[in-house]
Amino acid sequence: MIPAIAWTVVVVALMAVFYALARFSEELGEALRIRPYYISYYAASLFLFIGIQMRLLGTVAPDLAFKYVHCHEALVAIGVTIALITTIIYWGWLLSTHRKMM
């Protein structure tokens, strides 16, 4: 039970980071006139939220959990991948600027 709670705390922290990145990216996107890709951060958070629910359901009530409850790690991985791609789209210019300075 404790590992599931610790895992949940980590995933909720990721969701908070994704929310902050969504807000920053929304402002950056408006300034640079980029399409609203920041919405992908909210989709990533949704995958993480569903993953949390499935993990806790499998921990608390394994008899009630259906056979797909063990795919929570895949849902979290999908959410993190979506957020990573969105971060590269919005914040990739920082890497190219850093390379030019060196």
PDB file of N, CA and C in Angstrom:
ATOM      1  N   MET A   1       0.820  -1.195   0.000  1.00  0.00           N
ATOM      2  CA  MET A   1       0.000   0.000   0.000  1.00  0.00           C
ATOM      3  C   MET A   1       0.867   1.263   0.000  1.00  0.00           C
ATOM      4  N   ILE A   2       1.929   1.289   0.786  1.00  0.00           N
ATOM      5  CA  ILE A   2       2.806   2.455   0.856  1.00  0.00           C
ATOM      6  C   ILE A   2       3.480   2.740  -0.484  1.00  0.00           C
ATOM      7  N   PRO A   3       3.995   1.729  -1.202  1.00  0.00           N
ATOM      8  CA  PRO A   3       4.580   2.032  -2.517  1.00  0.00           C
ATOM      9  C   PRO A   3       3.563   2.641  -3.484  1.00  0.00           C
ATOM     10  N   ALA A   4       2.318   2.208  -3.404  1.00  0.00           N
ATOM     11  CA  ALA A   4       1.288   2.772  -4.283  1.00  0.00           C
ATOM     12  C   ALA A   4       1.030   4.229  -3.946  1.00  0.00           C
ATOM     13  N   ILE A   5       1.053   4.567  -2.671  1.00  0.00           N
ATOM     14  CA  ILE A   5       0.837   5.959  -2.270  1.00  0.00           C
ATOM     15  C   ILE A   5       2.028   6.813  -2.683  1.00  0.00           C
ATOM     16  N   ALA A   6       3.226   6.307  -2.502  1.00  0.00           N
ATOM     17  CA  ALA A   6       4.423   7.056  -2.915  1.00  0.00           C
ATOM     18  C   ALA A   6       4.423   7.262  -4.427  1.00  0.00           C
ATOM     19  N   TRP A   7       4.050   6.228  -5.175  1.00  0.00           N
ATOM     20  CA  TRP A   7       3.967   6.326  -6.633  1.00  0.00           C
ATOM     21  C   TRP A   7       2.934   7.377  -7.018  1.00  0.00           C
ATOM     22  N   THR A   8       1.827   7.405  -6.309  1.00  0.00           N
ATOM     23  CA  THR A   8       0.774   8.380  -6.588  1.00  0.00           C
ATOM     24  C   THR A   8       1.266   9.797  -6.328  1.00  0.00           C
ATOM     25  N   VAL A   9       2.012  10.000  -5.259  1.00  0.00           N
ATOM     26  CA  VAL A   9       2.545  11.327  -4.946  1.00  0.00           C
ATOM     27  C   VAL A   9       3.478  11.799  -6.060  1.00  0.00           C
ATOM     28  N   VAL A  10       4.310  10.909  -6.563  1.00  0.00           N
ATOM     29  CA  VAL A  10       5.227  11.272  -7.650  1.00  0.00           C
ATOM     30  C   VAL A  10       4.441  11.648  -8.908  1.00  0.00           C
ATOM     31  N   VAL A  11       3.426  10.879  -9.231  1.00  0.00           N
ATOM     32  CA  VAL A  11       2.641  11.153 -10.440  1.00  0.00           C
ATOM     33  C   VAL A  11       1.848  12.454 -10.287  1.00  0.00           C
ATOM     34  N   VAL A  12       1.337  12.724  -9.102  1.00  0.00           N
ATOM     35  CA  VAL A  12       0.625  13.989  -8.871  1.00  0.00           C
ATOM     36  C   VAL A  12       1.600  15.165  -8.992  1.00  0.00           C
ATOM     37  N   ALA A  13       2.829  14.987  -8.543  1.00  0.00           N
ATOM     38  CA  ALA A  13       3.838  16.037  -8.715  1.00  0.00           C
ATOM     39  C   ALA A  13       4.107  16.281 -10.203  1.00  0.00           C
ATOM     40  N   LEU A  14       4.161  15.215 -10.991  1.00  0.00           N
ATOM     41  CA  LEU A  14       4.316  15.378 -12.446  1.00  0.00           C
ATOM     42  C   LEU A  14       3.132  16.143 -13.035  1.00  0.00           C
ATOM     43  N   MET A  15       1.937  15.848 -12.552  1.00  0.00           N
ATOM     44  CA  MET A  15       0.765  16.555 -13.050  1.00  0.00           C
ATOM     45  C   MET A  15       0.855  18.047 -12.731  1.00  0.00           C
ATOM     46  N   ALA A  16       1.384  18.392 -11.561  1.00  0.00           N
ATOM     47  CA  ALA A  16       1.553  19.802 -11.202  1.00  0.00           C
ATOM     48  C   ALA A  16       2.570  20.467 -12.118  1.00  0.00           C
ATOM     49  N   VAL A  17       3.650  19.764 -12.435  1.00  0.00           N
ATOM     50  CA  VAL A  17       4.651  20.300 -13.365  1.00  0.00           C
ATOM     51  C   VAL A  17       4.029  20.500 -14.742  1.00  0.00           C
ATOM     52  N   PHE A  18       3.241  19.531 -15.197  1.00  0.00           N
ATOM     53  CA  PHE A  18       2.595  19.650 -16.513  1.00  0.00           C
ATOM     54  C   PHE A  18       1.631  20.831 -16.541  1.00  0.00           C
ATOM     55  N   TYR A  19       0.940  21.071 -15.433  1.00  0.00           N
ATOM     56  CA  TYR A  19       0.032  22.221 -15.388  1.00  0.00           C
ATOM     57  C   TYR A  19       0.813  23.529 -15.489  1.00  0.00           C
ATOM     58  N   ALA A  20       1.915  23.618 -14.752  1.00  0.00           N
ATOM     59  CA  ALA A  20       2.740  24.837 -14.815  1.00  0.00           C
ATOM     60  C   ALA A  20       3.294  25.035 -16.219  1.00  0.00           C
ATOM     61  N   LEU A  21       3.769  23.964 -16.836  1.00  0.00           N
ATOM     62  CA  LEU A  21       4.273  24.070 -18.208  1.00  0.00           C
ATOM     63  C   LEU A  21       3.170  24.464 -19.183  1.00  0.00           C
ATOM     64  N   ALA A  22       1.963  23.973 -18.946  1.00  0.00           N
ATOM     65  CA  ALA A  22       0.840  24.351 -19.815  1.00  0.00           C
ATOM     66  C   ALA A  22       0.564  25.846 -19.726  1.00  0.00           C
ATOM     67  N   ARG A  23       0.591  26.374 -18.516  1.00  0.00           N
ATOM     68  CA  ARG A  23       0.337  27.809 -18.349  1.00  0.00           C
ATOM     69  C   ARG A  23       1.444  28.646 -18.993  1.00  0.00           C
ATOM     70  N   PHE A  24       2.715  28.261 -18.758  1.00  0.00           N
ATOM     71  CA  PHE A  24       3.825  28.992 -19.370  1.00  0.00           C
ATOM     72  C   PHE A  24       3.788  28.881 -20.892  1.00  0.00           C
ATOM     73  N   SER A  25       3.497  27.689 -21.382  1.00  0.00           N
ATOM     74  CA  SER A  25       3.483  27.469 -22.825  1.00  0.00           C
ATOM     75  C   SER A  25       2.327  28.202 -23.495  1.00  0.00           C
ATOM     76  N   GLU A  26       1.227  28.355 -22.784  1.00  0.00           N
ATOM     77  CA  GLU A  26       0.107  29.111 -23.336  1.00  0.00           C
ATOM     78  C   GLU A  26       0.528  30.558 -23.565  1.00  0.00           C
ATOM     79  N   GLU A  27       1.206  31.138 -22.592  1.00  0.00           N
ATOM     80  CA  GLU A  27       1.673  32.519 -22.732  1.00  0.00           C
ATOM     81  C   GLU A  27       2.729  32.628 -23.838  1.00  0.00           C
ATOM     82  N   LEU A  28       3.660  31.687 -23.860  1.00  0.00           N
ATOM     83  CA  LEU A  28       4.697  31.701 -24.897  1.00  0.00           C
ATOM     84  C   LEU A  28       4.080  31.503 -26.278  1.00  0.00           C
ATOM     85  N   GLY A  29       3.115  30.608 -26.377  1.00  0.00           N
ATOM     86  CA  GLY A  29       2.457  30.361 -27.657  1.00  0.00           C
ATOM     87  C   GLY A  29       1.719  31.574 -28.178  1.00  0.00           C
ATOM     88  N   GLU A  30       1.096  32.334 -27.274  1.00  0.00           N
ATOM     89  CA  GLU A  30       0.413  33.557 -27.698  1.00  0.00           C
ATOM     90  C   GLU A  30       1.424  34.598 -28.171  1.00  0.00           C
ATOM     91  N   ALA A  31       2.546  34.686 -27.485  1.00  0.00           N
ATOM     92  CA  ALA A  31       3.562  35.673 -27.869  1.00  0.00           C
ATOM     93  C   ALA A  31       4.216  35.319 -29.196  1.00  0.00           C
ATOM     94  N   LEU A  32       4.468  34.038 -29.422  1.00  0.00           N
ATOM     95  CA  LEU A  32       5.137  33.602 -30.648  1.00  0.00           C
ATOM     96  C   LEU A  32       4.166  33.179 -31.750  1.00  0.00           C
ATOM     97  N   ARG A  33       2.894  33.259 -31.443  1.00  0.00           N
ATOM     98  CA  ARG A  33       1.834  32.868 -32.387  1.00  0.00           C
ATOM     99  C   ARG A  33       1.980  31.411 -32.833  1.00  0.00           C
ATOM    100  N   ILE A  34       2.180  30.538 -31.860  1.00  0.00           N
ATOM    101  CA  ILE A  34       2.267  29.099 -32.107  1.00  0.00           C
ATOM    102  C   ILE A  34       0.881  28.502 -31.886  1.00  0.00           C
ATOM    103  N   ARG A  35       0.575  27.453 -32.634  1.00  0.00           N
ATOM    104  CA  ARG A  35      -0.702  26.766 -32.442  1.00  0.00           C
ATOM    105  C   ARG A  35      -0.823  26.304 -30.988  1.00  0.00           C
ATOM    106  N   PRO A  36      -2.040  26.125 -30.486  1.00  0.00           N
ATOM    107  CA  PRO A  36      -2.215  25.805 -29.060  1.00  0.00           C
ATOM    108  C   PRO A  36      -1.875  24.351 -28.711  1.00  0.00           C
ATOM    109  N   TYR A  37      -0.608  24.008 -28.831  1.00  0.00           N
ATOM    110  CA  TYR A  37      -0.162  22.672 -28.465  1.00  0.00           C
ATOM    111  C   TYR A  37      -0.169  22.467 -26.955  1.00  0.00           C
ATOM    112  N   TYR A  38      -0.259  23.542 -26.193  1.00  0.00           N
ATOM    113  CA  TYR A  38      -0.224  23.424 -24.740  1.00  0.00           C
ATOM    114  C   TYR A  38      -1.366  22.565 -24.209  1.00  0.00           C
ATOM    115  N   ILE A  39      -2.412  22.411 -24.984  1.00  0.00           N
ATOM    116  CA  ILE A  39      -3.533  21.564 -24.591  1.00  0.00           C
ATOM    117  C   ILE A  39      -3.072  20.112 -24.419  1.00  0.00           C
ATOM    118  N   SER A  40      -1.990  19.762 -25.090  1.00  0.00           N
ATOM    119  CA  SER A  40      -1.441  18.415 -24.951  1.00  0.00           C
ATOM    120  C   SER A  40      -0.977  18.137 -23.526  1.00  0.00           C
ATOM    121  N   TYR A  41      -0.549  19.165 -22.801  1.00  0.00           N
ATOM    122  CA  TYR A  41      -0.177  18.968 -21.399  1.00  0.00           C
ATOM    123  C   TYR A  41      -1.376  18.517 -20.574  1.00  0.00           C
ATOM    124  N   TYR A  42      -2.541  19.065 -20.881  1.00  0.00           N
ATOM    125  CA  TYR A  42      -3.747  18.641 -20.167  1.00  0.00           C
ATOM    126  C   TYR A  42      -4.110  17.201 -20.528  1.00  0.00           C
ATOM    127  N   ALA A  43      -3.912  16.824 -21.788  1.00  0.00           N
ATOM    128  CA  ALA A  43      -4.150  15.433 -22.187  1.00  0.00           C
ATOM    129  C   ALA A  43      -3.171  14.504 -21.475  1.00  0.00           C
ATOM    130  N   ALA A  44      -1.917  14.926 -21.362  1.00  0.00           N
ATOM    131  CA  ALA A  44      -0.920  14.126 -20.651  1.00  0.00           C
ATOM    132  C   ALA A  44      -1.320  13.961 -19.191  1.00  0.00           C
ATOM    133  N   SER A  45      -1.813  15.020 -18.579  1.00  0.00           N
ATOM    134  CA  SER A  45      -2.261  14.938 -17.182  1.00  0.00           C
ATOM    135  C   SER A  45      -3.445  13.994 -17.043  1.00  0.00           C
ATOM    136  N   LEU A  46      -4.305  13.961 -18.035  1.00  0.00           N
ATOM    137  CA  LEU A  46      -5.435  13.033 -18.004  1.00  0.00           C
ATOM    138  C   LEU A  46      -4.945  11.590 -18.024  1.00  0.00           C
ATOM    139  N   PHE A  47      -3.959  11.287 -18.865  1.00  0.00           N
ATOM    140  CA  PHE A  47      -3.393   9.935 -18.873  1.00  0.00           C
ATOM    141  C   PHE A  47      -2.799   9.591 -17.508  1.00  0.00           C
ATOM    142  N   LEU A  48      -2.105  10.539 -16.898  1.00  0.00           N
ATOM    143  CA  LEU A  48      -1.526  10.303 -15.584  1.00  0.00           C
ATOM    144  C   LEU A  48      -2.613  10.085 -14.536  1.00  0.00           C
ATOM    145  N   PHE A  49      -3.665  10.870 -14.604  1.00  0.00           N
ATOM    146  CA  PHE A  49      -4.757  10.734 -13.644  1.00  0.00           C
ATOM    147  C   PHE A  49      -5.421   9.370 -13.756  1.00  0.00           C
ATOM    148  N   ILE A  50      -5.667   8.926 -14.972  1.00  0.00           N
ATOM    149  CA  ILE A  50      -6.278   7.603 -15.166  1.00  0.00           C
ATOM    150  C   ILE A  50      -5.323   6.519 -14.672  1.00  0.00           C
ATOM    151  N   GLY A  51      -4.027   6.693 -14.915  1.00  0.00           N
ATOM    152  CA  GLY A  51      -3.041   5.741 -14.413  1.00  0.00           C
ATOM    153  C   GLY A  51      -3.046   5.657 -12.898  1.00  0.00           C
ATOM    154  N   ILE A  52      -3.188   6.813 -12.226  1.00  0.00           N
ATOM    155  CA  ILE A  52      -3.268   6.822 -10.762  1.00  0.00           C
ATOM    156  C   ILE A  52      -4.485   6.037 -10.291  1.00  0.00           C
ATOM    157  N   GLN A  53      -5.609   6.309 -10.914  1.00  0.00           N
ATOM    158  CA  GLN A  53      -6.835   5.622 -10.498  1.00  0.00           C
ATOM    159  C   GLN A  53      -6.722   4.114 -10.672  1.00  0.00           C
ATOM    160  N   MET A  54      -6.135   3.686 -11.764  1.00  0.00           N
ATOM    161  CA  MET A  54      -5.999   2.254 -12.014  1.00  0.00           C
ATOM    162  C   MET A  54      -5.031   1.616 -11.020  1.00  0.00           C
ATOM    163  N   ARG A  55      -3.939   2.319 -10.687  1.00  0.00           N
ATOM    164  CA  ARG A  55      -2.973   1.786  -9.715  1.00  0.00           C
ATOM    165  C   ARG A  55      -3.620   1.650  -8.344  1.00  0.00           C
ATOM    166  N   LEU A  56      -4.330   2.676  -7.913  1.00  0.00           N
ATOM    167  CA  LEU A  56      -4.962   2.614  -6.603  1.00  0.00           C
ATOM    168  C   LEU A  56      -6.083   1.584  -6.555  1.00  0.00           C
ATOM    169  N   LEU A  57      -6.830   1.451  -7.637  1.00  0.00           N
ATOM    170  CA  LEU A  57      -7.876   0.437  -7.692  1.00  0.00           C
ATOM    171  C   LEU A  57      -7.278  -0.965  -7.588  1.00  0.00           C
ATOM    172  N   GLY A  58      -6.182  -1.192  -8.293  1.00  0.00           N
ATOM    173  CA  GLY A  58      -5.521  -2.495  -8.228  1.00  0.00           C
ATOM    174  C   GLY A  58      -4.923  -2.773  -6.865  1.00  0.00           C
ATOM    175  N   THR A  59      -4.533  -1.738  -6.129  1.00  0.00           N
ATOM    176  CA  THR A  59      -3.945  -1.913  -4.801  1.00  0.00           C
ATOM    177  C   THR A  59      -5.011  -2.109  -3.733  1.00  0.00           C
ATOM    178  N   VAL A  60      -6.049  -1.300  -3.787  1.00  0.00           N
ATOM    179  CA  VAL A  60      -7.072  -1.325  -2.749  1.00  0.00           C
ATOM    180  C   VAL A  60      -8.037  -2.496  -2.917  1.00  0.00           C
ATOM    181  N   ALA A  61      -8.461  -2.749  -4.135  1.00  0.00           N
ATOM    182  CA  ALA A  61      -9.461  -3.797  -4.382  1.00  0.00           C
ATOM    183  C   ALA A  61      -9.030  -4.666  -5.555  1.00  0.00           C
ATOM    184  N   PRO A  62      -8.036  -5.526  -5.342  1.00  0.00           N
ATOM    185  CA  PRO A  62      -7.563  -6.347  -6.458  1.00  0.00           C
ATOM    186  C   PRO A  62      -8.619  -7.319  -6.978  1.00  0.00           C
ATOM    187  N   ASP A  63      -9.580  -7.696  -6.129  1.00  0.00           N
ATOM    188  CA  ASP A  63     -10.639  -8.602  -6.579  1.00  0.00           C
ATOM    189  C   ASP A  63     -11.628  -7.901  -7.501  1.00  0.00           C
ATOM    190  N   LEU A  64     -11.812  -6.598  -7.290  1.00  0.00           N
ATOM    191  CA  LEU A  64     -12.743  -5.840  -8.125  1.00  0.00           C
ATOM    192  C   LEU A  64     -12.087  -5.333  -9.404  1.00  0.00           C
ATOM    193  N   ALA A  65     -10.775  -5.292  -9.394  1.00  0.00           N
ATOM    194  CA  ALA A  65     -10.049  -4.745 -10.540  1.00  0.00           C
ATOM    195  C   ALA A  65     -10.176  -5.680 -11.734  1.00  0.00           C
ATOM    196  N   PHE A  66     -10.373  -5.103 -12.889  1.00  0.00           N
ATOM    197  CA  PHE A  66     -10.452  -5.911 -14.098  1.00  0.00           C
ATOM    198  C   PHE A  66      -9.055  -6.219 -14.604  1.00  0.00           C
ATOM    199  N   LYS A  67      -8.957  -7.060 -15.607  1.00  0.00           N
ATOM    200  CA  LYS A  67      -7.642  -7.567 -16.016  1.00  0.00           C
ATOM    201  C   LYS A  67      -6.733  -6.507 -16.619  1.00  0.00           C
ATOM    202  N   TYR A  68      -7.260  -5.357 -16.996  1.00  0.00           N
ATOM    203  CA  TYR A  68      -6.432  -4.310 -17.595  1.00  0.00           C
ATOM    204  C   TYR A  68      -5.897  -3.317 -16.570  1.00  0.00           C
ATOM    205  N   VAL A  69      -6.154  -3.551 -15.305  1.00  0.00           N
ATOM    206  CA  VAL A  69      -5.742  -2.602 -14.273  1.00  0.00           C
ATOM    207  C   VAL A  69      -4.223  -2.502 -14.179  1.00  0.00           C
ATOM    208  N   HIS A  70      -3.498  -3.458 -14.701  1.00  0.00           N
ATOM    209  CA  HIS A  70      -2.042  -3.453 -14.595  1.00  0.00           C
ATOM    210  C   HIS A  70      -1.363  -2.664 -15.709  1.00  0.00           C
ATOM    211  N   CYS A  71      -2.116  -1.992 -16.536  1.00  0.00           N
ATOM    212  CA  CYS A  71      -1.512  -1.187 -17.601  1.00  0.00           C
ATOM    213  C   CYS A  71      -1.330   0.270 -17.162  1.00  0.00           C
ATOM    214  N   HIS A  72      -1.382   0.529 -15.858  1.00  0.00           N
ATOM    215  CA  HIS A  72      -1.247   1.902 -15.360  1.00  0.00           C
ATOM    216  C   HIS A  72       0.107   2.499 -15.708  1.00  0.00           C
ATOM    217  N   GLU A  73       1.145   1.680 -15.727  1.00  0.00           N
ATOM    218  CA  GLU A  73       2.470   2.199 -16.057  1.00  0.00           C
ATOM    219  C   GLU A  73       2.545   2.634 -17.519  1.00  0.00           C
ATOM    220  N   ALA A  74       1.848   1.909 -18.385  1.00  0.00           N
ATOM    221  CA  ALA A  74       1.819   2.290 -19.798  1.00  0.00           C
ATOM    222  C   ALA A  74       1.093   3.618 -19.989  1.00  0.00           C
ATOM    223  N   LEU A  75       0.020   3.829 -19.238  1.00  0.00           N
ATOM    224  CA  LEU A  75      -0.704   5.101 -19.341  1.00  0.00           C
ATOM    225  C   LEU A  75       0.160   6.263 -18.874  1.00  0.00           C
ATOM    226  N   VAL A  76       0.897   6.058 -17.799  1.00  0.00           N
ATOM    227  CA  VAL A  76       1.794   7.110 -17.313  1.00  0.00           C
ATOM    228  C   VAL A  76       2.898   7.364 -18.340  1.00  0.00           C
ATOM    229  N   ALA A  77       3.423   6.305 -18.936  1.00  0.00           N
ATOM    230  CA  ALA A  77       4.466   6.471 -19.955  1.00  0.00           C
ATOM    231  C   ALA A  77       3.938   7.232 -21.168  1.00  0.00           C
ATOM    232  N   ILE A  78       2.715   6.958 -21.571  1.00  0.00           N
ATOM    233  CA  ILE A  78       2.108   7.683 -22.693  1.00  0.00           C
ATOM    234  C   ILE A  78       1.956   9.161 -22.337  1.00  0.00           C
ATOM    235  N   GLY A  79       1.484   9.447 -21.128  1.00  0.00           N
ATOM    236  CA  GLY A  79       1.324  10.832 -20.699  1.00  0.00           C
ATOM    237  C   GLY A  79       2.640  11.589 -20.658  1.00  0.00           C
ATOM    238  N   VAL A  80       3.677  10.944 -20.139  1.00  0.00           N
ATOM    239  CA  VAL A  80       4.986  11.597 -20.067  1.00  0.00           C
ATOM    240  C   VAL A  80       5.547  11.822 -21.469  1.00  0.00           C
ATOM    241  N   THR A  81       5.320  10.884 -22.378  1.00  0.00           N
ATOM    242  CA  THR A  81       5.791  11.040 -23.753  1.00  0.00           C
ATOM    243  C   THR A  81       5.090  12.206 -24.444  1.00  0.00           C
ATOM    244  N   ILE A  82       3.794  12.314 -24.250  1.00  0.00           N
ATOM    245  CA  ILE A  82       3.049  13.444 -24.823  1.00  0.00           C
ATOM    246  C   ILE A  82       3.604  14.761 -24.297  1.00  0.00           C
ATOM    247  N   ALA A  83       3.850  14.821 -22.991  1.00  0.00           N
ATOM    248  CA  ALA A  83       4.389  16.047 -22.393  1.00  0.00           C
ATOM    249  C   ALA A  83       5.794  16.340 -22.906  1.00  0.00           C
ATOM    250  N   LEU A  84       6.598  15.322 -23.099  1.00  0.00           N
ATOM    251  CA  LEU A  84       7.958  15.528 -23.609  1.00  0.00           C
ATOM    252  C   LEU A  84       7.927  16.103 -25.021  1.00  0.00           C
ATOM    253  N   ILE A  85       7.091  15.562 -25.877  1.00  0.00           N
ATOM    254  CA  ILE A  85       6.990  16.065 -27.252  1.00  0.00           C
ATOM    255  C   ILE A  85       6.492  17.509 -27.250  1.00  0.00           C
ATOM    256  N   THR A  86       5.504  17.800 -26.413  1.00  0.00           N
ATOM    257  CA  THR A  86       4.983  19.156 -26.324  1.00  0.00           C
ATOM    258  C   THR A  86       6.050  20.117 -25.800  1.00  0.00           C
ATOM    259  N   THR A  87       6.843  19.675 -24.840  1.00  0.00           N
ATOM    260  CA  THR A  87       7.918  20.506 -24.307  1.00  0.00           C
ATOM    261  C   THR A  87       8.957  20.805 -25.379  1.00  0.00           C
ATOM    262  N   ILE A  88       9.286  19.826 -26.187  1.00  0.00           N
ATOM    263  CA  ILE A  88      10.245  20.041 -27.271  1.00  0.00           C
ATOM    264  C   ILE A  88       9.696  21.046 -28.273  1.00  0.00           C
ATOM    265  N   ILE A  89       8.406  20.980 -28.560  1.00  0.00           N
ATOM    266  CA  ILE A  89       7.802  21.923 -29.506  1.00  0.00           C
ATOM    267  C   ILE A  89       7.888  23.347 -28.975  1.00  0.00           C
ATOM    268  N   TYR A  90       7.523  23.547 -27.706  1.00  0.00           N
ATOM    269  CA  TYR A  90       7.492  24.898 -27.155  1.00  0.00           C
ATOM    270  C   TYR A  90       8.851  25.410 -26.706  1.00  0.00           C
ATOM    271  N   TRP A  91       9.649  24.561 -26.113  1.00  0.00           N
ATOM    272  CA  TRP A  91      10.860  25.020 -25.450  1.00  0.00           C
ATOM    273  C   TRP A  91      12.130  24.561 -26.134  1.00  0.00           C
ATOM    274  N   GLY A  92      12.033  23.976 -27.313  1.00  0.00           N
ATOM    275  CA  GLY A  92      13.210  23.524 -28.047  1.00  0.00           C
ATOM    276  C   GLY A  92      14.125  24.654 -28.473  1.00  0.00           C
ATOM    277  N   TRP A  93      13.591  25.846 -28.608  1.00  0.00           N
ATOM    278  CA  TRP A  93      14.414  26.995 -29.011  1.00  0.00           C
ATOM    279  C   TRP A  93      15.478  27.311 -27.968  1.00  0.00           C
ATOM    280  N   LEU A  94      15.259  26.917 -26.720  1.00  0.00           N
ATOM    281  CA  LEU A  94      16.283  27.152 -25.698  1.00  0.00           C
ATOM    282  C   LEU A  94      17.545  26.364 -25.994  1.00  0.00           C
ATOM    283  N   LEU A  95      17.384  25.141 -26.477  1.00  0.00           N
ATOM    284  CA  LEU A  95      18.555  24.326 -26.822  1.00  0.00           C
ATOM    285  C   LEU A  95      19.296  24.898 -28.016  1.00  0.00           C
ATOM    286  N   SER A  96      18.570  25.330 -29.026  1.00  0.00           N
ATOM    287  CA  SER A  96      19.245  25.892 -30.194  1.00  0.00           C
ATOM    288  C   SER A  96      19.935  27.212 -29.846  1.00  0.00           C
ATOM    289  N   THR A  97      19.372  28.000 -28.960  1.00  0.00           N
ATOM    290  CA  THR A  97      20.011  29.237 -28.523  1.00  0.00           C
ATOM    291  C   THR A  97      21.280  28.943 -27.741  1.00  0.00           C
ATOM    292  N   HIS A  98      21.215  27.917 -26.917  1.00  0.00           N
ATOM    293  CA  HIS A  98      22.380  27.541 -26.116  1.00  0.00           C
ATOM    294  C   HIS A  98      23.524  27.065 -27.020  1.00  0.00           C
ATOM    295  N   ARG A  99      23.194  26.322 -28.050  1.00  0.00           N
ATOM    296  CA  ARG A  99      24.231  25.838 -28.979  1.00  0.00           C
ATOM    297  C   ARG A  99      24.879  26.994 -29.728  1.00  0.00           C
ATOM    298  N   LYS A 100      24.101  28.008 -30.091  1.00  0.00           N
ATOM    299  CA  LYS A 100      24.645  29.156 -30.812  1.00  0.00           C
ATOM    300  C   LYS A 100      25.594  29.970 -29.934  1.00  0.00           C
ATOM    301  N   MET A 101      25.323  29.980 -28.653  1.00  0.00           N
ATOM    302  CA  MET A 101      26.155  30.761 -27.749  1.00  0.00           C
ATOM    303  C   MET A 101      27.506  30.106 -27.506  1.00  0.00           C
ATOM    304  N   MET A 102      27.583  28.803 -27.687  1.00  0.00           N
ATOM    305  CA  MET A 102      28.844  28.100 -27.406  1.00  0.00           C
ATOM    306  C   MET A 102      29.684  28.103 -28.623  1.00  0.00           C
TER     307      MET A 102
END
